[in-house]
Amino acid sequence: MSSRARDRRDRRNRREETTRGGRWYLLTGLILGLVFGLVFSLRISPVEYVDTVPAVLRAADKDQYRMLVALSYQANGDLGRASQRLAQLRDPAPEATLTELAQRLLAENGSIETARALAQLASALVNVSGSATGAPANPTADTQSTSSAPAGTPFSTLENAQAIQTATLRPTPAPTNTPQPTIAPRITAAPTLSTPFVLLDRRPVCDPAVEDGLIQVWVQDGDGNPLPGIKVTVAWQGGEESFYTGLKTQVGPGYADYRMSEGYTYLVTAGEGGEQASGLTTDPCTAADGSQRLTGWVLTFGLP
C-alpha cells in the first residue's frame, strides 16, 4: 500500500473517532444538564407560590384553610365572609365537606374545638340554604317520625372519645357605664348552660324507612329553630355515651341519633340538667307494610 493511501485511511479513521466521541460528549452534557436543572429547581431555588387561590392548594392545605375559616366564623359570627372564603375552594357542597372534615377530625383524635367549629359553620350554611329555598329548618314531629332517615341508610354513633366537648361558658359580667362594642349575633348560637332543655315530644317509631331501634333526637330553641352543637347523653344500666347535634347536616342541623341494643332500657338528656326521656326500649312492633320491626323513638327537646 502506497504512503498516500495510508494517509487517506488514517485521516478517515481519525474523523470517525472524532464523530463518535462528539456524540458521547453531547449525550453526557445533556444528562448532566438535566440533573443540575432538577437539583437547582427542587433544592437550591424551588418554586414558591405567592398569593395563589385556595382552589389550587393540596388536599391537606385545603383542610387547614377550612379549619381556619370555621374558627374565624366561631370567633366573629360573620357568615357572609365565611361563605365568601369557602367559595374560593370551589367545593360543590361546602357544608358536606365541612361535616366530613369534622367527623374525620374526631375519628383521628384531632382538635375537638375545631371539629365543633366546623360543625357549627356547616349547620349555619344549611340554615341559610334552607331559608333561601323556602324549606323549613326543622320538620314537624310527624315528618321526623317517617322521613328523618333515608331508607336503608344506617346511622353511626360517635364514641365518647370522639365527642365534641361543649365550650366552657364564662359568667356574664355586671353591666358598667363603659360602652361595649357591638358583636354580630351568631346564627346558631348555643344556649347557656343555665337554661335546661325540656322534652317537648316523644313518640315511638315503627317504620321500614327508619333503622330498627334508632333514637332520633331533635333539639331546638324557644322559637323552634334547630340548634347544632348541643350535647346529647344516652345512659343505660352500666353505661353512658354522649354525642352532639349538627354533625349530620344531610338530615338537619339540630339532629343527632343513637342506635339502641336489644334488652336495654335507655334514658336520654339534651344539654346539662334538662328533662329526661326515660324508659326507651326496643320492643317488637309491626310496621304498616306488615313487616316485623324493633321500636325506635323520636325525641324533641327545646328551650321553654
C-alpha atoms as a PDB file:
ATOM      1  CA  MET A   1       0.000   0.000   0.000  1.00  0.00           C
ATOM      2  CA  SER A   2       1.329   3.371  -1.000  1.00  0.00           C
ATOM      3  CA  SER A   3       2.000   6.080   1.507  1.00  0.00           C
ATOM      4  CA  ARG A   4      -0.760   8.261   0.026  1.00  0.00           C
ATOM      5  CA  ALA A   5      -3.359   5.507   0.554  1.00  0.00           C
ATOM      6  CA  ARG A   6      -2.230   5.022   4.146  1.00  0.00           C
ATOM      7  CA  ASP A   7      -2.569   8.750   4.812  1.00  0.00           C
ATOM      8  CA  ARG A   8      -6.130   8.788   3.465  1.00  0.00           C
ATOM      9  CA  ARG A   9      -7.057   5.812   5.636  1.00  0.00           C
ATOM     10  CA  ASP A  10      -5.569   7.380   8.751  1.00  0.00           C
ATOM     11  CA  ARG A  11      -7.424  10.649   8.176  1.00  0.00           C
ATOM     12  CA  ARG A  12     -10.718   8.770   7.702  1.00  0.00           C
ATOM     13  CA  ASN A  13     -10.215   6.798  10.937  1.00  0.00           C
ATOM     14  CA  ARG A  14      -9.480   9.973  12.870  1.00  0.00           C
ATOM     15  CA  ARG A  15     -12.640  11.625  11.535  1.00  0.00           C
ATOM     16  CA  GLU A  16     -14.788   8.629  12.574  1.00  0.00           C
ATOM     17  CA  GLU A  17     -13.282   8.602  16.080  1.00  0.00           C
ATOM     18  CA  THR A  18     -13.900  12.338  16.411  1.00  0.00           C
ATOM     19  CA  THR A  19     -17.551  11.929  15.336  1.00  0.00           C
ATOM     20  CA  ARG A  20     -18.181   9.075  17.799  1.00  0.00           C
ATOM     21  CA  GLY A  21     -16.536  10.993  20.651  1.00  0.00           C
ATOM     22  CA  GLY A  22     -18.617  14.126  19.910  1.00  0.00           C
ATOM     23  CA  ARG A  23     -21.849  12.183  20.169  1.00  0.00           C
ATOM     24  CA  TRP A  24     -20.925  10.803  23.603  1.00  0.00           C
ATOM     25  CA  TYR A  25     -19.919  14.239  24.819  1.00  0.00           C
ATOM     26  CA  LEU A  26     -23.289  15.634  23.682  1.00  0.00           C
ATOM     27  CA  LEU A  27     -25.250  12.893  25.479  1.00  0.00           C
ATOM     28  CA  THR A  28     -23.188  13.284  28.661  1.00  0.00           C
ATOM     29  CA  GLY A  29     -23.718  17.044  28.640  1.00  0.00           C
ATOM     30  CA  LEU A  30     -27.453  16.620  28.206  1.00  0.00           C
ATOM     31  CA  ILE A  31     -27.671  14.229  31.196  1.00  0.00           C
ATOM     32  CA  LEU A  32     -25.564  16.498  33.409  1.00  0.00           C
ATOM     33  CA  GLY A  33     -27.722  19.476  32.399  1.00  0.00           C
ATOM     34  CA  LEU A  34     -30.926  17.674  33.364  1.00  0.00           C
ATOM     35  CA  VAL A  35     -29.505  16.575  36.713  1.00  0.00           C
ATOM     36  CA  PHE A  36     -28.279  20.081  37.528  1.00  0.00           C
ATOM     37  CA  GLY A  37     -31.623  21.587  36.483  1.00  0.00           C
ATOM     38  CA  LEU A  38     -33.568  19.251  38.779  1.00  0.00           C
ATOM     39  CA  VAL A  39     -31.250  19.880  41.734  1.00  0.00           C
ATOM     40  CA  PHE A  40     -31.453  23.633  41.203  1.00  0.00           C
ATOM     41  CA  SER A  41     -35.263  23.735  40.868  1.00  0.00           C
ATOM     42  CA  LEU A  42     -36.006  21.337  43.715  1.00  0.00           C
ATOM     43  CA  ARG A  43     -33.269  22.132  46.254  1.00  0.00           C
ATOM     44  CA  ILE A  44     -31.399  25.327  45.514  1.00  0.00           C
ATOM     45  CA  SER A  45     -34.204  27.575  44.292  1.00  0.00           C
ATOM     46  CA  PRO A  46     -37.584  25.777  44.396  1.00  0.00           C
ATOM     47  CA  VAL A  47     -40.729  27.388  43.020  1.00  0.00           C
ATOM     48  CA  GLU A  48     -42.657  29.375  45.631  1.00  0.00           C
ATOM     49  CA  TYR A  49     -46.325  30.177  45.115  1.00  0.00           C
ATOM     50  CA  VAL A  50     -47.342  33.625  46.350  1.00  0.00           C
ATOM     51  CA  ASP A  51     -50.924  34.911  46.624  1.00  0.00           C
ATOM     52  CA  THR A  52     -52.314  31.822  44.920  1.00  0.00           C
ATOM     53  CA  VAL A  53     -56.019  30.974  45.026  1.00  0.00           C
ATOM     54  CA  PRO A  54     -57.177  28.360  47.615  1.00  0.00           C
ATOM     55  CA  ALA A  55     -58.698  26.157  44.892  1.00  0.00           C
ATOM     56  CA  VAL A  56     -55.228  25.057  43.695  1.00  0.00           C
ATOM     57  CA  LEU A  57     -53.962  24.058  47.133  1.00  0.00           C
ATOM     58  CA  ARG A  58     -53.210  20.476  48.049  1.00  0.00           C
ATOM     59  CA  ALA A  59     -55.941  18.492  49.831  1.00  0.00           C
ATOM     60  CA  ALA A  60     -54.230  18.791  53.237  1.00  0.00           C
ATOM     61  CA  ASP A  61     -53.768  22.538  52.809  1.00  0.00           C
ATOM     62  CA  LYS A  62     -57.423  22.908  51.797  1.00  0.00           C
ATOM     63  CA  ASP A  63     -58.428  21.200  55.043  1.00  0.00           C
ATOM     64  CA  GLN A  64     -56.278  23.638  57.010  1.00  0.00           C
ATOM     65  CA  TYR A  65     -57.930  26.508  55.145  1.00  0.00           C
ATOM     66  CA  ARG A  66     -61.408  25.203  56.028  1.00  0.00           C
ATOM     67  CA  MET A  67     -60.432  24.894  59.704  1.00  0.00           C
ATOM     68  CA  LEU A  68     -59.193  28.483  59.796  1.00  0.00           C
ATOM     69  CA  VAL A  69     -62.399  29.720  58.172  1.00  0.00           C
ATOM     70  CA  ALA A  70     -64.516  27.776  60.688  1.00  0.00           C
ATOM     71  CA  LEU A  71     -62.548  29.072  63.681  1.00  0.00           C
ATOM     72  CA  SER A  72     -62.827  32.607  62.315  1.00  0.00           C
ATOM     73  CA  TYR A  73     -66.599  32.220  61.978  1.00  0.00           C
ATOM     74  CA  GLN A  74     -66.806  30.879  65.511  1.00  0.00           C
ATOM     75  CA  ALA A  75     -64.996  33.993  66.754  1.00  0.00           C
ATOM     76  CA  ASN A  76     -66.832  36.724  64.802  1.00  0.00           C
ATOM     77  CA  GLY A  77     -70.092  35.125  63.621  1.00  0.00           C
ATOM     78  CA  ASP A  78     -69.726  36.653  60.138  1.00  0.00           C
ATOM     79  CA  LEU A  79     -71.396  34.013  57.969  1.00  0.00           C
ATOM     80  CA  GLY A  80     -71.235  36.110  54.796  1.00  0.00           C
ATOM     81  CA  ARG A  81     -67.490  36.459  55.000  1.00  0.00           C
ATOM     82  CA  ALA A  82     -67.061  32.778  55.826  1.00  0.00           C
ATOM     83  CA  SER A  83     -69.174  31.840  52.797  1.00  0.00           C
ATOM     84  CA  GLN A  84     -67.067  34.043  50.523  1.00  0.00           C
ATOM     85  CA  ARG A  85     -63.883  32.441  51.794  1.00  0.00           C
ATOM     86  CA  LEU A  86     -65.232  28.919  51.298  1.00  0.00           C
ATOM     87  CA  ALA A  87     -66.410  29.818  47.792  1.00  0.00           C
ATOM     88  CA  GLN A  88     -62.767  30.245  46.785  1.00  0.00           C
ATOM     89  CA  LEU A  89     -62.278  26.497  47.261  1.00  0.00           C
ATOM     90  CA  ARG A  90     -64.962  25.862  44.602  1.00  0.00           C
ATOM     91  CA  ASP A  91     -66.477  22.957  46.547  1.00  0.00           C
ATOM     92  CA  PRO A  92     -69.796  21.808  45.048  1.00  0.00           C
ATOM     93  CA  ALA A  93     -71.254  21.234  48.554  1.00  0.00           C
ATOM     94  CA  PRO A  94     -69.177  23.101  51.164  1.00  0.00           C
ATOM     95  CA  GLU A  95     -71.432  22.145  54.090  1.00  0.00           C
ATOM     96  CA  ALA A  96     -70.995  18.432  53.315  1.00  0.00           C
ATOM     97  CA  THR A  97     -67.223  18.874  53.029  1.00  0.00           C
ATOM     98  CA  LEU A  98     -67.103  20.659  56.396  1.00  0.00           C
ATOM     99  CA  THR A  99     -69.140  17.913  58.050  1.00  0.00           C
ATOM    100  CA  GLU A 100     -66.925  15.188  56.589  1.00  0.00           C
ATOM    101  CA  LEU A 101     -63.830  17.016  57.823  1.00  0.00           C
ATOM    102  CA  ALA A 102     -65.314  17.382  61.332  1.00  0.00           C
ATOM    103  CA  GLN A 103     -66.087  13.675  61.508  1.00  0.00           C
ATOM    104  CA  ARG A 104     -62.616  12.821  60.203  1.00  0.00           C
ATOM    105  CA  LEU A 105     -61.026  15.009  62.885  1.00  0.00           C
ATOM    106  CA  LEU A 106     -62.978  13.191  65.587  1.00  0.00           C
ATOM    107  CA  ALA A 107     -62.041   9.785  64.189  1.00  0.00           C
ATOM    108  CA  GLU A 108     -58.355  10.788  64.150  1.00  0.00           C
ATOM    109  CA  ASN A 109     -58.482  12.268  67.679  1.00  0.00           C
ATOM    110  CA  GLY A 110     -57.924  15.758  66.313  1.00  0.00           C
ATOM    111  CA  SER A 111     -58.918  19.076  67.856  1.00  0.00           C
ATOM    112  CA  ILE A 112     -62.403  18.757  69.348  1.00  0.00           C
ATOM    113  CA  GLU A 113     -62.900  22.523  69.397  1.00  0.00           C
ATOM    114  CA  THR A 114     -62.002  22.766  65.705  1.00  0.00           C
ATOM    115  CA  ALA A 115     -64.402  19.936  64.850  1.00  0.00           C
ATOM    116  CA  ARG A 116     -67.163  21.720  66.753  1.00  0.00           C
ATOM    117  CA  ALA A 117     -66.442  24.943  64.851  1.00  0.00           C
ATOM    118  CA  LEU A 118     -66.632  23.050  61.547  1.00  0.00           C
ATOM    119  CA  ALA A 119     -69.985  21.531  62.540  1.00  0.00           C
ATOM    120  CA  GLN A 120     -71.386  24.928  63.548  1.00  0.00           C
ATOM    121  CA  LEU A 121     -70.355  26.516  60.267  1.00  0.00           C
ATOM    122  CA  ALA A 122     -71.815  23.611  58.262  1.00  0.00           C
ATOM    123  CA  SER A 123     -75.096  23.926  60.159  1.00  0.00           C
ATOM    124  CA  ALA A 124     -75.214  27.688  59.574  1.00  0.00           C
ATOM    125  CA  LEU A 125     -74.733  27.145  55.837  1.00  0.00           C
ATOM    126  CA  VAL A 126     -77.543  24.575  55.823  1.00  0.00           C
ATOM    127  CA  ASN A 127     -79.844  27.015  57.662  1.00  0.00           C
ATOM    128  CA  VAL A 128     -79.155  29.767  55.139  1.00  0.00           C
ATOM    129  CA  SER A 129     -79.659  27.381  52.204  1.00  0.00           C
ATOM    130  CA  GLY A 130     -82.958  26.155  53.651  1.00  0.00           C
ATOM    131  CA  SER A 131     -84.190  29.705  54.237  1.00  0.00           C
ATOM    132  CA  ALA A 132     -83.272  30.740  50.684  1.00  0.00           C
ATOM    133  CA  THR A 133     -85.230  27.876  49.160  1.00  0.00           C
ATOM    134  CA  GLY A 134     -88.201  28.240  51.479  1.00  0.00           C
ATOM    135  CA  ALA A 135     -87.627  24.830  53.087  1.00  0.00           C
ATOM    136  CA  PRO A 136     -88.462  24.544  56.799  1.00  0.00           C
ATOM    137  CA  ALA A 137     -85.404  24.485  59.039  1.00  0.00           C
ATOM    138  CA  ASN A 138     -86.902  21.912  61.396  1.00  0.00           C
ATOM    139  CA  PRO A 139     -89.513  19.413  60.204  1.00  0.00           C
ATOM    140  CA  THR A 140     -92.619  18.726  62.237  1.00  0.00           C
ATOM    141  CA  ALA A 141     -92.805  15.794  64.571  1.00  0.00           C
ATOM    142  CA  ASP A 142     -94.907  13.779  62.093  1.00  0.00           C
ATOM    143  CA  THR A 143     -92.331  14.319  59.366  1.00  0.00           C
ATOM    144  CA  GLN A 144     -89.478  13.369  61.684  1.00  0.00           C
ATOM    145  CA  SER A 145     -91.028  10.043  62.554  1.00  0.00           C
ATOM    146  CA  THR A 146     -91.419   8.945  58.942  1.00  0.00           C
ATOM    147  CA  SER A 147     -88.719  10.597  56.880  1.00  0.00           C
ATOM    148  CA  SER A 148     -85.908  11.614  59.205  1.00  0.00           C
ATOM    149  CA  ALA A 149     -83.643   8.911  57.815  1.00  0.00           C
ATOM    150  CA  PRO A 150     -83.374   7.612  54.246  1.00  0.00           C
ATOM    151  CA  ALA A 151     -84.451   4.038  53.702  1.00  0.00           C
ATOM    152  CA  GLY A 152     -81.679   1.555  54.290  1.00  0.00           C
ATOM    153  CA  THR A 153     -79.218   4.202  55.471  1.00  0.00           C
ATOM    154  CA  PRO A 154     -77.522   3.212  58.749  1.00  0.00           C
ATOM    155  CA  PHE A 155     -76.513   5.902  61.168  1.00  0.00           C
ATOM    156  CA  SER A 156     -73.359   5.529  63.239  1.00  0.00           C
ATOM    157  CA  THR A 157     -72.843   6.928  66.711  1.00  0.00           C
ATOM    158  CA  LEU A 158     -69.764   8.831  67.861  1.00  0.00           C
ATOM    159  CA  GLU A 159     -67.705   7.280  70.627  1.00  0.00           C
ATOM    160  CA  ASN A 160     -67.098   9.096  73.888  1.00  0.00           C
ATOM    161  CA  ALA A 161     -63.518   9.919  72.914  1.00  0.00           C
ATOM    162  CA  GLN A 162     -64.777  11.363  69.664  1.00  0.00           C
ATOM    163  CA  ALA A 163     -67.499  13.592  71.102  1.00  0.00           C
ATOM    164  CA  ILE A 164     -67.128  17.324  70.662  1.00  0.00           C
ATOM    165  CA  GLN A 165     -66.777  18.980  74.011  1.00  0.00           C
ATOM    166  CA  THR A 166     -69.005  21.960  74.772  1.00  0.00           C
ATOM    167  CA  ALA A 167     -67.038  25.134  75.298  1.00  0.00           C
ATOM    168  CA  THR A 168     -66.976  26.387  78.884  1.00  0.00           C
ATOM    169  CA  LEU A 169     -69.117  29.482  79.146  1.00  0.00           C
ATOM    170  CA  ARG A 170     -67.950  32.392  81.250  1.00  0.00           C
ATOM    171  CA  PRO A 171     -70.347  34.213  83.591  1.00  0.00           C
ATOM    172  CA  THR A 172     -71.767  37.445  82.234  1.00  0.00           C
ATOM    173  CA  PRO A 173     -70.075  40.429  83.939  1.00  0.00           C
ATOM    174  CA  ALA A 174     -72.181  43.015  85.688  1.00  0.00           C
ATOM    175  CA  PRO A 175     -73.134  45.965  83.487  1.00  0.00           C
ATOM    176  CA  THR A 176     -70.991  49.066  83.789  1.00  0.00           C
ATOM    177  CA  ASN A 177     -71.035  52.512  82.297  1.00  0.00           C
ATOM    178  CA  THR A 178     -68.196  51.613  79.947  1.00  0.00           C
ATOM    179  CA  PRO A 179     -69.570  51.294  76.390  1.00  0.00           C
ATOM    180  CA  GLN A 180     -69.113  47.831  74.933  1.00  0.00           C
ATOM    181  CA  PRO A 181     -68.529  47.054  71.263  1.00  0.00           C
ATOM    182  CA  THR A 182     -71.440  45.581  69.350  1.00  0.00           C
ATOM    183  CA  ILE A 183     -70.860  41.948  68.373  1.00  0.00           C
ATOM    184  CA  ALA A 184     -72.614  40.490  65.360  1.00  0.00           C
ATOM    185  CA  PRO A 185     -75.082  37.807  66.527  1.00  0.00           C
ATOM    186  CA  ARG A 186     -74.411  34.229  65.513  1.00  0.00           C
ATOM    187  CA  ILE A 187     -76.991  32.405  63.527  1.00  0.00           C
ATOM    188  CA  THR A 188     -76.534  29.175  65.515  1.00  0.00           C
ATOM    189  CA  ALA A 189     -75.584  30.367  68.969  1.00  0.00           C
ATOM    190  CA  ALA A 190     -75.663  27.690  71.652  1.00  0.00           C
ATOM    191  CA  PRO A 191     -77.831  28.351  74.716  1.00  0.00           C
ATOM    192  CA  THR A 192     -76.305  28.934  78.094  1.00  0.00           C
ATOM    193  CA  LEU A 193     -75.974  26.004  80.453  1.00  0.00           C
ATOM    194  CA  SER A 194     -78.264  27.754  82.925  1.00  0.00           C
ATOM    195  CA  THR A 195     -81.243  27.148  80.617  1.00  0.00           C
ATOM    196  CA  PRO A 196     -82.132  23.437  80.664  1.00  0.00           C
ATOM    197  CA  PHE A 197     -83.952  21.789  77.792  1.00  0.00           C
ATOM    198  CA  VAL A 198     -87.389  20.295  78.271  1.00  0.00           C
ATOM    199  CA  LEU A 199     -88.840  17.296  76.485  1.00  0.00           C
ATOM    200  CA  LEU A 200     -91.405  18.684  74.042  1.00  0.00           C
ATOM    201  CA  ASP A 201     -92.396  15.437  72.359  1.00  0.00           C
ATOM    202  CA  ARG A 202     -91.626  11.719  72.381  1.00  0.00           C
ATOM    203  CA  ARG A 203     -93.154   9.089  70.175  1.00  0.00           C
ATOM    204  CA  PRO A 204     -92.359   5.512  69.164  1.00  0.00           C
ATOM    205  CA  VAL A 205     -91.447   4.727  65.558  1.00  0.00           C
ATOM    206  CA  CYS A 206     -92.164   1.509  63.674  1.00  0.00           C
ATOM    207  CA  ASP A 207     -91.296   2.361  60.095  1.00  0.00           C
ATOM    208  CA  PRO A 208     -89.443   0.268  57.475  1.00  0.00           C
ATOM    209  CA  ALA A 209     -87.824   3.514  56.225  1.00  0.00           C
ATOM    210  CA  VAL A 210     -86.069   4.001  59.577  1.00  0.00           C
ATOM    211  CA  GLU A 211     -83.363   1.811  61.071  1.00  0.00           C
ATOM    212  CA  ASP A 212     -84.515  -0.566  63.801  1.00  0.00           C
ATOM    213  CA  GLY A 213     -84.087   0.690  67.361  1.00  0.00           C
ATOM    214  CA  LEU A 214     -82.942   4.167  66.327  1.00  0.00           C
ATOM    215  CA  ILE A 215     -83.319   7.064  68.768  1.00  0.00           C
ATOM    216  CA  GLN A 216     -83.733  10.242  66.716  1.00  0.00           C
ATOM    217  CA  VAL A 217     -83.109  13.414  68.703  1.00  0.00           C
ATOM    218  CA  TRP A 218     -84.104  16.918  67.594  1.00  0.00           C
ATOM    219  CA  VAL A 219     -83.023  19.957  69.625  1.00  0.00           C
ATOM    220  CA  GLN A 220     -84.444  23.444  69.069  1.00  0.00           C
ATOM    221  CA  ASP A 221     -84.556  26.842  70.704  1.00  0.00           C
ATOM    222  CA  GLY A 222     -87.600  28.647  72.061  1.00  0.00           C
ATOM    223  CA  ASP A 223     -88.642  29.766  68.564  1.00  0.00           C
ATOM    224  CA  GLY A 224     -88.410  26.286  67.060  1.00  0.00           C
ATOM    225  CA  ASN A 225     -85.084  26.842  65.292  1.00  0.00           C
ATOM    226  CA  PRO A 226     -82.716  23.826  65.242  1.00  0.00           C
ATOM    227  CA  LEU A 227     -79.649  24.046  67.474  1.00  0.00           C
ATOM    228  CA  PRO A 228     -76.364  22.389  66.427  1.00  0.00           C
ATOM    229  CA  GLY A 229     -73.538  21.634  68.833  1.00  0.00           C
ATOM    230  CA  ILE A 230     -75.819  20.533  71.708  1.00  0.00           C
ATOM    231  CA  LYS A 231     -74.615  17.642  73.824  1.00  0.00           C
ATOM    232  CA  VAL A 232     -76.966  14.647  73.955  1.00  0.00           C
ATOM    233  CA  THR A 233     -76.385  11.992  76.615  1.00  0.00           C
ATOM    234  CA  VAL A 234     -77.714   8.437  76.370  1.00  0.00           C
ATOM    235  CA  ALA A 235     -77.492   6.334  79.538  1.00  0.00           C
ATOM    236  CA  TRP A 236     -78.369   2.743  80.368  1.00  0.00           C
ATOM    237  CA  GLN A 237     -77.638   0.400  83.223  1.00  0.00           C
ATOM    238  CA  GLY A 238     -73.865   0.132  83.367  1.00  0.00           C
ATOM    239  CA  GLY A 239     -73.040   2.610  80.632  1.00  0.00           C
ATOM    240  CA  GLU A 240     -73.339   6.092  79.183  1.00  0.00           C
ATOM    241  CA  GLU A 241     -72.485   7.745  75.867  1.00  0.00           C
ATOM    242  CA  SER A 242     -72.520  11.343  74.608  1.00  0.00           C
ATOM    243  CA  PHE A 243     -72.723  12.825  71.112  1.00  0.00           C
ATOM    244  CA  TYR A 244     -73.651  16.163  69.556  1.00  0.00           C
ATOM    245  CA  THR A 245     -76.265  17.599  67.226  1.00  0.00           C
ATOM    246  CA  GLY A 246     -75.296  19.180  63.923  1.00  0.00           C
ATOM    247  CA  LEU A 247     -72.872  16.594  62.534  1.00  0.00           C
ATOM    248  CA  LYS A 248     -75.427  15.094  60.137  1.00  0.00           C
ATOM    249  CA  THR A 249     -76.322  18.117  58.067  1.00  0.00           C
ATOM    250  CA  GLN A 250     -77.949  15.930  55.424  1.00  0.00           C
ATOM    251  CA  VAL A 251     -80.721  15.287  57.973  1.00  0.00           C
ATOM    252  CA  GLY A 252     -80.831  18.560  59.901  1.00  0.00           C
ATOM    253  CA  PRO A 253     -78.624  20.957  61.887  1.00  0.00           C
ATOM    254  CA  GLY A 254     -80.392  20.176  65.164  1.00  0.00           C
ATOM    255  CA  TYR A 255     -80.377  16.409  64.651  1.00  0.00           C
ATOM    256  CA  ALA A 256     -78.483  13.531  66.252  1.00  0.00           C
ATOM    257  CA  ASP A 257     -79.217   9.830  66.644  1.00  0.00           C
ATOM    258  CA  TYR A 258     -78.222   6.691  68.531  1.00  0.00           C
ATOM    259  CA  ARG A 259     -78.940   3.023  67.835  1.00  0.00           C
ATOM    260  CA  MET A 260     -80.198   1.032  70.804  1.00  0.00           C
ATOM    261  CA  SER A 261     -79.333  -2.577  71.574  1.00  0.00           C
ATOM    262  CA  GLU A 262     -81.964  -5.144  72.437  1.00  0.00           C
ATOM    263  CA  GLY A 263     -82.563  -5.915  76.089  1.00  0.00           C
ATOM    264  CA  TYR A 264     -81.626  -2.488  77.465  1.00  0.00           C
ATOM    265  CA  THR A 265     -83.669   0.448  78.746  1.00  0.00           C
ATOM    266  CA  TYR A 266     -82.333   3.880  77.846  1.00  0.00           C
ATOM    267  CA  LEU A 267     -82.551   7.398  79.225  1.00  0.00           C
ATOM    268  CA  VAL A 268     -81.813  10.453  77.032  1.00  0.00           C
ATOM    269  CA  THR A 269     -80.974  14.023  78.077  1.00  0.00           C
ATOM    270  CA  ALA A 270     -80.225  17.096  75.950  1.00  0.00           C
ATOM    271  CA  GLY A 271     -77.835  19.676  77.358  1.00  0.00           C
ATOM    272  CA  GLU A 272     -76.971  19.795  81.062  1.00  0.00           C
ATOM    273  CA  GLY A 273     -79.525  19.260  83.800  1.00  0.00           C
ATOM    274  CA  GLY A 274     -82.541  19.190  81.488  1.00  0.00           C
ATOM    275  CA  GLU A 275     -85.625  16.998  81.379  1.00  0.00           C
ATOM    276  CA  GLN A 276     -85.039  13.325  80.748  1.00  0.00           C
ATOM    277  CA  ALA A 277     -86.706  10.946  78.318  1.00  0.00           C
ATOM    278  CA  SER A 278     -86.701   7.625  80.176  1.00  0.00           C
ATOM    279  CA  GLY A 279     -87.976   4.106  79.591  1.00  0.00           C
ATOM    280  CA  LEU A 280     -86.821   3.846  75.952  1.00  0.00           C
ATOM    281  CA  THR A 281     -86.693   0.220  74.793  1.00  0.00           C
ATOM    282  CA  THR A 282     -86.584  -1.767  71.540  1.00  0.00           C
ATOM    283  CA  ASP A 283     -89.905  -3.627  71.711  1.00  0.00           C
ATOM    284  CA  PRO A 284     -91.049  -5.721  68.732  1.00  0.00           C
ATOM    285  CA  CYS A 285     -93.625  -3.982  66.541  1.00  0.00           C
ATOM    286  CA  THR A 286     -95.461  -4.457  63.231  1.00  0.00           C
ATOM    287  CA  ALA A 287     -94.942  -1.776  60.576  1.00  0.00           C
ATOM    288  CA  ALA A 288     -97.631  -0.503  58.206  1.00  0.00           C
ATOM    289  CA  ASP A 289     -96.389  -2.840  55.466  1.00  0.00           C
ATOM    290  CA  GLY A 290     -96.753  -5.840  57.796  1.00  0.00           C
ATOM    291  CA  SER A 291     -93.029  -6.320  58.434  1.00  0.00           C
ATOM    292  CA  GLN A 292     -91.759  -7.087  61.918  1.00  0.00           C
ATOM    293  CA  ARG A 293     -89.563  -4.326  63.298  1.00  0.00           C
ATOM    294  CA  LEU A 294     -87.940  -3.110  66.508  1.00  0.00           C
ATOM    295  CA  THR A 295     -89.356   0.075  68.004  1.00  0.00           C
ATOM    296  CA  GLY A 296     -87.386   3.293  67.630  1.00  0.00           C
ATOM    297  CA  TRP A 297     -88.060   6.704  69.143  1.00  0.00           C
ATOM    298  CA  VAL A 298     -88.282  10.344  68.036  1.00  0.00           C
ATOM    299  CA  LEU A 299     -87.471  12.839  70.812  1.00  0.00           C
ATOM    300  CA  THR A 300     -87.823  16.597  70.522  1.00  0.00           C
ATOM    301  CA  PHE A 301     -86.101  18.779  73.124  1.00  0.00           C
ATOM    302  CA  GLY A 302     -86.455  22.538  73.262  1.00  0.00           C
ATOM    303  CA  LEU A 303     -85.972  25.604  75.394  1.00  0.00           C
ATOM    304  CA  PRO A 304     -89.009  26.600  77.446  1.00  0.00           C
END
